[in-house]
Amino acid sequence: MNFSLPIVVVLLLVLVSSIRILKEYERGVMFTLGRFTGVKGPGVRLVLPVVQQMKTLELRTVVLNVPKQDVISRDNVSVKVSAVVYFRVVDPEKAILQVVNPYEATSQLAQTTLRSVAGQHEMDELLSQRDRLNAAIQQVLDQNTAAWGVKVTNVEIKDIDLDETMIRAMARQAEAERARRAKVIHAEGEKQAALALAEAAQTLSNQPASLQLRYLQTLADISNEKSSTIVFPLPLDLIAPLLHRKTVD
């Protein structure tokens, strides 16, 4: 009787230490005598001491901050680029058997991929086509992490830092571009005004009465001014009969 009590206590301790509870978002990779024997889902699981071992992984999405990387763009501009990578484990077996640490491996791969993909684009593309750059980085990461049982769901470029010299150069470039657009708009306006004036002149030349009415309207507008002296042109067709009569006399 005295020997049975310690044995029962030992068995209870072994039983308690064998119990593992997996949450809904966790999976357990089981090894029996060093050999892979399956993946366990959520709930209460028994793991025999010494004989069995269980590695636990989370299936929730992991948010990975990729630190700023020194990148030289295709047009030889030096910038610092940082990003955020969202990924999760979709195959616990591969995540344990194929790589030592899937999270660290994905982090290192994200840094090298960010430098590689960003270096293939020009500076203007890095600033204006972030969606395209995000998709390219995600595609490369997803292809390489598939063997580890990791799925990269999204990549977002967070910051693109330029040095002061490049910022001033880009400001001058933007100012020159705005000036060019202003000149083009002004020239386009002059062109449209010239076309409108030419069309109006053509219409008035075909209708002499319209020209006279326009002349009288101009005189009426001038008469509303407060100036004491008014100088206006006199159409030759009004005084031509008088000049012709004086010549005949």
Protein backbone atom coordinates (compact mmCIF):
# COMPACT_ATOMS: atom_id res chain seq x y z
CA MET A 1 0.00 0.00 0.00
CA ASN A 2 2.86 2.32 0.79
CA PHE A 3 4.41 1.65 -2.67
CA SER A 4 1.15 2.09 -4.60
CA LEU A 5 0.67 5.72 -3.57
CA PRO A 6 3.95 7.00 -5.07
CA ILE A 7 3.24 5.06 -8.23
CA VAL A 8 -0.20 6.65 -8.55
CA VAL A 9 1.29 10.10 -7.94
CA VAL A 10 3.92 9.50 -10.59
CA LEU A 11 1.32 8.30 -13.08
CA LEU A 12 -0.82 11.36 -12.38
CA LEU A 13 2.15 13.66 -12.90
CA VAL A 14 3.00 11.92 -16.16
CA LEU A 15 -0.60 12.21 -17.31
CA VAL A 16 -0.83 15.88 -16.45
CA SER A 17 2.47 16.64 -18.17
CA SER A 18 1.26 14.78 -21.26
CA ILE A 19 -1.78 16.99 -21.75
CA ARG A 20 -1.53 19.70 -24.41
CA ILE A 21 -4.34 22.11 -25.26
CA LEU A 22 -4.32 23.61 -28.75
CA LYS A 23 -6.32 26.75 -29.49
CA GLU A 24 -8.49 27.14 -32.58
CA TYR A 25 -5.76 29.05 -34.46
CA GLU A 26 -2.98 26.60 -33.48
CA ARG A 27 -1.77 23.36 -35.01
CA GLY A 28 0.56 20.78 -33.49
CA VAL A 29 3.10 18.83 -35.55
CA MET A 30 3.64 15.45 -33.87
CA PHE A 31 6.85 13.43 -33.77
CA THR A 32 7.04 9.92 -32.36
CA LEU A 33 10.54 8.65 -31.69
CA GLY A 34 11.80 11.41 -34.00
CA ARG A 35 9.52 10.53 -36.91
CA PHE A 36 6.72 12.78 -38.21
CA THR A 37 3.37 11.20 -37.31
CA GLY A 38 0.80 13.87 -38.24
CA VAL A 39 -0.65 17.31 -37.59
CA LYS A 40 -3.05 17.75 -34.68
CA GLY A 41 -5.92 20.23 -34.64
CA PRO A 42 -7.39 22.29 -31.77
CA GLY A 43 -8.48 20.62 -28.57
CA VAL A 44 -6.94 18.42 -25.86
CA ARG A 45 -4.00 16.33 -27.04
CA LEU A 46 -1.89 13.74 -25.24
CA VAL A 47 1.85 13.79 -25.83
CA LEU A 48 3.73 10.90 -24.22
CA PRO A 49 6.88 12.11 -22.47
CA VAL A 50 10.20 11.04 -24.00
CA VAL A 51 8.43 9.05 -26.72
CA GLN A 52 6.54 11.91 -28.42
CA GLN A 53 7.15 15.57 -29.11
CA MET A 54 4.84 18.26 -30.49
CA LYS A 55 5.80 21.53 -32.25
CA THR A 56 3.09 24.21 -32.14
CA LEU A 57 2.49 26.76 -34.90
CA GLU A 58 -0.03 29.59 -35.28
CA LEU A 59 -2.17 29.95 -38.40
CA ARG A 60 -3.03 33.61 -37.80
CA THR A 61 -1.70 36.31 -40.13
CA VAL A 62 1.67 37.69 -39.08
CA VAL A 63 2.49 41.37 -39.68
CA LEU A 64 6.17 41.75 -40.57
CA ASN A 65 7.82 45.17 -40.64
CA VAL A 66 10.65 45.15 -43.17
CA PRO A 67 13.24 47.74 -42.03
CA LYS A 68 14.52 50.41 -44.40
CA GLN A 69 16.72 48.97 -47.12
CA ASP A 70 19.32 50.90 -49.12
CA VAL A 71 18.25 50.64 -52.75
CA ILE A 72 19.81 51.98 -55.94
CA SER A 73 17.10 52.42 -58.56
CA ARG A 74 17.55 51.63 -62.24
CA ASP A 75 18.31 55.30 -62.96
CA ASN A 76 21.07 55.29 -60.28
CA VAL A 77 19.19 57.13 -57.52
CA SER A 78 19.97 56.07 -53.94
CA VAL A 79 16.88 55.71 -51.72
CA LYS A 80 15.76 53.96 -48.53
CA VAL A 81 12.66 51.80 -48.85
CA SER A 82 10.67 50.11 -46.07
CA ALA A 83 7.63 47.85 -46.33
CA VAL A 84 5.08 45.78 -44.44
CA VAL A 85 4.51 42.09 -45.29
CA TYR A 86 1.45 40.10 -44.28
CA PHE A 87 1.81 36.30 -44.29
CA ARG A 88 0.56 33.18 -42.53
CA VAL A 89 1.39 29.50 -42.22
CA VAL A 90 -0.92 27.37 -44.38
CA ASP A 91 0.96 24.04 -44.20
CA PRO A 92 2.32 23.32 -40.68
CA GLU A 93 4.08 20.16 -41.84
CA LYS A 94 6.24 22.02 -44.38
CA ALA A 95 6.78 24.93 -41.98
CA ILE A 96 8.40 22.54 -39.48
CA LEU A 97 10.11 20.02 -41.75
CA GLN A 98 11.41 22.28 -44.53
CA VAL A 99 12.76 25.32 -42.65
CA VAL A 100 14.21 25.95 -39.20
CA ASN A 101 12.29 29.17 -38.49
CA PRO A 102 9.64 30.14 -41.07
CA TYR A 103 9.15 33.62 -39.60
CA GLU A 104 12.85 34.53 -39.65
CA ALA A 105 13.28 32.99 -43.10
CA THR A 106 10.37 35.01 -44.49
CA SER A 107 11.74 38.19 -42.91
CA GLN A 108 15.18 37.78 -44.46
CA LEU A 109 13.70 36.86 -47.84
CA ALA A 110 11.43 39.93 -47.73
CA GLN A 111 14.43 42.23 -47.20
CA THR A 112 16.44 40.83 -50.11
CA THR A 113 13.39 40.74 -52.38
CA LEU A 114 12.55 44.35 -51.57
CA ARG A 115 16.04 45.49 -52.56
CA SER A 116 16.04 43.36 -55.71
CA VAL A 117 12.60 44.34 -57.05
CA ALA A 118 12.92 48.04 -56.16
CA GLY A 119 16.30 48.18 -57.89
CA GLN A 120 14.67 47.11 -61.16
CA HIS A 121 12.49 50.24 -61.33
CA GLU A 122 13.23 53.90 -61.91
CA MET A 123 12.64 56.53 -59.26
CA ASP A 124 9.46 57.89 -60.87
CA GLU A 125 8.01 54.36 -60.92
CA LEU A 126 8.84 53.82 -57.24
CA LEU A 127 6.94 56.97 -56.31
CA SER A 128 3.96 56.72 -58.68
CA GLN A 129 3.45 52.97 -59.21
CA ARG A 130 3.48 51.51 -55.71
CA ASP A 131 0.66 49.08 -56.44
CA ARG A 132 2.68 47.55 -59.26
CA LEU A 133 5.74 47.31 -57.02
CA ASN A 134 3.72 45.75 -54.19
CA ALA A 135 2.32 43.10 -56.53
CA ALA A 136 5.77 42.26 -57.90
CA ILE A 137 7.28 41.82 -54.41
CA GLN A 138 4.32 39.72 -53.26
CA GLN A 139 4.60 37.43 -56.29
CA VAL A 140 8.31 36.78 -55.74
CA LEU A 141 7.86 36.18 -52.01
CA ASP A 142 4.87 33.89 -52.49
CA GLN A 143 6.72 31.74 -55.00
CA ASN A 144 9.72 31.28 -52.72
CA THR A 145 7.85 30.73 -49.45
CA ALA A 146 5.44 28.14 -50.87
CA ALA A 147 8.02 25.41 -50.19
CA TRP A 148 7.98 26.43 -46.49
CA GLY A 149 4.19 26.21 -46.16
CA VAL A 150 3.92 30.01 -45.92
CA LYS A 151 1.44 32.14 -47.86
CA VAL A 152 2.23 35.83 -48.42
CA THR A 153 -1.16 37.56 -48.58
CA ASN A 154 -0.14 41.19 -49.04
CA VAL A 155 2.83 43.54 -49.34
CA GLU A 156 2.69 47.31 -48.86
CA ILE A 157 5.51 49.81 -49.46
CA LYS A 158 5.53 52.01 -46.36
CA ASP A 159 8.17 54.71 -46.83
CA ILE A 160 10.52 55.88 -49.58
CA ASP A 161 13.15 58.29 -48.25
CA LEU A 162 15.23 60.55 -50.49
CA ASP A 163 18.23 62.69 -49.62
CA GLU A 164 17.95 66.49 -49.59
CA THR A 165 19.75 66.91 -52.92
CA MET A 166 17.30 64.63 -54.71
CA ILE A 167 14.32 66.33 -53.05
CA ARG A 168 15.48 69.74 -54.29
CA ALA A 169 16.12 68.36 -57.78
CA MET A 170 12.64 66.83 -57.91
CA ALA A 171 11.13 70.12 -56.72
CA ARG A 172 12.88 71.99 -59.54
CA GLN A 173 11.73 69.36 -62.01
CA ALA A 174 8.13 69.67 -60.80
CA GLU A 175 8.30 73.47 -61.05
CA ALA A 176 9.65 73.26 -64.59
CA GLU A 177 6.90 70.81 -65.52
CA ARG A 178 4.23 73.16 -64.15
CA ALA A 179 5.73 76.06 -66.11
CA ARG A 180 5.75 73.96 -69.27
CA ARG A 181 2.11 73.02 -68.81
CA ALA A 182 1.17 76.66 -68.20
CA LYS A 183 2.86 77.71 -71.45
CA VAL A 184 1.14 74.93 -73.37
CA ILE A 185 -2.26 75.91 -71.95
CA HIS A 186 -1.62 79.58 -72.75
CA ALA A 187 -0.57 78.73 -76.31
CA GLU A 188 -3.64 76.54 -76.75
CA GLY A 189 -5.83 79.39 -75.55
CA GLU A 190 -4.21 81.83 -77.98
CA LYS A 191 -4.76 79.35 -80.79
CA GLN A 192 -8.43 78.91 -79.95
CA ALA A 193 -8.89 82.71 -79.65
CA ALA A 194 -7.23 83.27 -83.02
CA LEU A 195 -9.48 80.67 -84.63
CA ALA A 196 -12.55 82.28 -83.07
CA LEU A 197 -11.49 85.76 -84.28
CA ALA A 198 -10.80 84.46 -87.76
CA GLU A 199 -14.23 82.84 -87.87
CA ALA A 200 -15.88 86.05 -86.62
CA ALA A 201 -14.01 88.15 -89.20
CA GLN A 202 -15.09 85.77 -91.94
CA THR A 203 -18.71 86.04 -90.82
CA LEU A 204 -18.60 89.86 -90.65
CA SER A 205 -16.96 90.14 -94.05
CA ASN A 206 -19.76 88.12 -95.58
CA GLN A 207 -22.41 90.33 -93.91
CA PRO A 208 -21.64 94.10 -94.33
CA ALA A 209 -24.75 95.05 -92.38
CA SER A 210 -23.46 93.06 -89.42
CA LEU A 211 -20.22 95.02 -89.57
CA GLN A 212 -22.14 98.31 -89.42
CA LEU A 213 -24.18 97.09 -86.45
CA ARG A 214 -21.02 96.09 -84.66
CA TYR A 215 -19.55 99.52 -85.33
CA LEU A 216 -22.64 101.26 -83.93
CA GLN A 217 -22.57 99.03 -80.86
CA THR A 218 -18.94 99.99 -80.28
CA LEU A 219 -19.86 103.68 -80.46
CA ALA A 220 -22.65 103.10 -77.95
CA ASP A 221 -20.23 101.41 -75.57
CA ILE A 222 -17.72 104.26 -75.91
CA SER A 223 -20.42 106.84 -75.21
CA ASN A 224 -20.98 105.33 -71.78
CA GLU A 225 -17.41 106.17 -70.78
CA LYS A 226 -16.77 109.32 -68.68
CA SER A 227 -13.98 110.56 -70.93
CA SER A 228 -14.51 114.05 -72.42
CA THR A 229 -12.65 113.20 -75.62
CA ILE A 230 -13.60 110.28 -77.84
CA VAL A 231 -11.56 109.22 -80.83
CA PHE A 232 -13.14 106.66 -83.11
CA PRO A 233 -12.47 105.53 -86.68
CA LEU A 234 -14.78 106.58 -89.48
CA PRO A 235 -15.56 103.90 -92.04
CA LEU A 236 -14.51 104.89 -95.54
CA ASP A 237 -17.65 103.49 -97.05
CA LEU A 238 -19.64 106.25 -95.28
CA ILE A 239 -17.59 109.14 -96.65
CA ALA A 240 -16.71 107.59 -99.99
CA PRO A 241 -19.77 109.19 -101.74
CA LEU A 242 -18.76 112.62 -100.40
CA LEU A 243 -15.19 112.24 -101.58
CA HIS A 244 -16.39 111.08 -104.97
CA ARG A 245 -18.72 114.13 -105.33
CA LYS A 246 -15.93 116.55 -104.35
CA THR A 247 -13.66 115.06 -106.96
CA VAL A 248 -16.34 115.42 -109.65
CA ASP A 249 -16.94 119.07 -108.74
